[in-house]
Protein backbone atom coordinates (compact mmCIF):
# COMPACT_ATOMS: atom_id res chain seq x y z
CA UNK A 1 -4.69 9.07 -11.80
CA UNK A 2 -3.15 6.21 -14.45
CA UNK A 3 0.81 8.00 -12.93
CA UNK A 4 -0.40 7.02 -8.95
CA UNK A 5 -1.93 3.64 -10.10
CA UNK A 6 1.31 2.42 -11.73
CA UNK A 7 3.79 4.35 -8.65
CA UNK A 8 1.27 2.55 -5.95
CA UNK A 9 1.38 -0.77 -8.72
CA UNK A 10 5.35 -0.98 -8.14
CA UNK A 11 5.30 0.08 -4.54
CA UNK A 12 3.30 -2.21 -3.27
CA UNK A 13 5.49 -5.06 -5.25
CA UNK A 14 8.52 -3.69 -3.75
CA UNK A 15 7.25 -3.50 -0.10
CA UNK A 16 6.09 -7.27 -0.54
CA UNK A 17 9.74 -7.84 -1.89
CA UNK A 18 11.28 -6.40 0.98
CA UNK A 19 9.52 -7.70 3.41
CA UNK A 20 9.70 -11.61 1.94
CA UNK A 21 13.97 -10.99 2.83
CA UNK A 22 12.86 -10.08 6.06
CA UNK A 23 13.17 -5.86 5.86
CA UNK A 24 10.65 -5.55 8.14
CA UNK A 25 10.80 -1.92 8.89
CA UNK A 26 11.30 -0.51 5.05
CA UNK A 27 8.47 -3.20 3.76
CA UNK A 28 6.24 -2.24 6.00
CA UNK A 29 6.45 1.69 5.72
CA UNK A 30 6.67 1.06 1.80
CA UNK A 31 3.74 -1.33 1.99
CA UNK A 32 1.94 1.88 4.09
CA UNK A 33 2.65 4.59 1.65
CA UNK A 34 1.50 2.28 -1.00
CA UNK A 35 -1.77 1.76 0.96
CA UNK A 36 -1.87 5.51 0.68
CA UNK A 37 -1.64 5.76 -2.75
CA UNK A 38 -4.58 3.06 -3.50
CA UNK A 39 -6.47 5.03 -0.95
CA UNK A 40 -6.34 8.15 -3.15
CA UNK A 41 -7.03 6.11 -6.81
CA UNK A 42 -9.85 3.93 -5.45
CA UNK A 43 -11.55 7.45 -3.96
CA UNK A 44 -11.29 9.16 -7.42
CA UNK A 45 -12.64 5.80 -9.16
CA UNK A 46 -15.45 5.20 -6.58
CA UNK A 47 -13.61 1.99 -6.45
CA UNK A 48 -15.18 1.40 -2.50
CA UNK A 49 -14.47 -2.00 -2.38
CA UNK A 50 -10.13 -1.30 -2.80
CA UNK A 51 -10.23 1.68 -0.77
CA UNK A 52 -11.52 -0.82 2.11
CA UNK A 53 -9.14 -3.13 1.31
CA UNK A 54 -6.46 -0.90 1.60
CA UNK A 55 -7.48 0.67 4.90
CA UNK A 56 -7.29 -2.41 6.26
CA UNK A 57 -4.18 -3.60 4.79
CA UNK A 58 -2.62 0.51 5.94
CA UNK A 59 -3.77 -1.11 9.52
CA UNK A 60 -1.93 -4.04 9.21
CA UNK A 61 1.29 -2.48 8.00
CA UNK A 62 0.77 0.28 11.07
CA UNK A 63 0.94 -2.24 13.28
CA UNK A 64 3.89 -3.89 11.54
CA UNK A 65 6.00 -1.19 11.78
CA UNK A 66 5.29 -0.49 15.27
């Protein structure tokens, strides 16, 4: 689980960096995958606040891709 947490953190940073550089589709896609990783990690750790926030952020990323 530690590797999922580290990968999710890195993907979140890269995704938001790309969004700040106006590379929208790639940034939102990477951000979406990081949200999925956070959902997996949060469910495993029973961190329901993280799960809820990242579910909402994933919906936002899906909206940003389309």
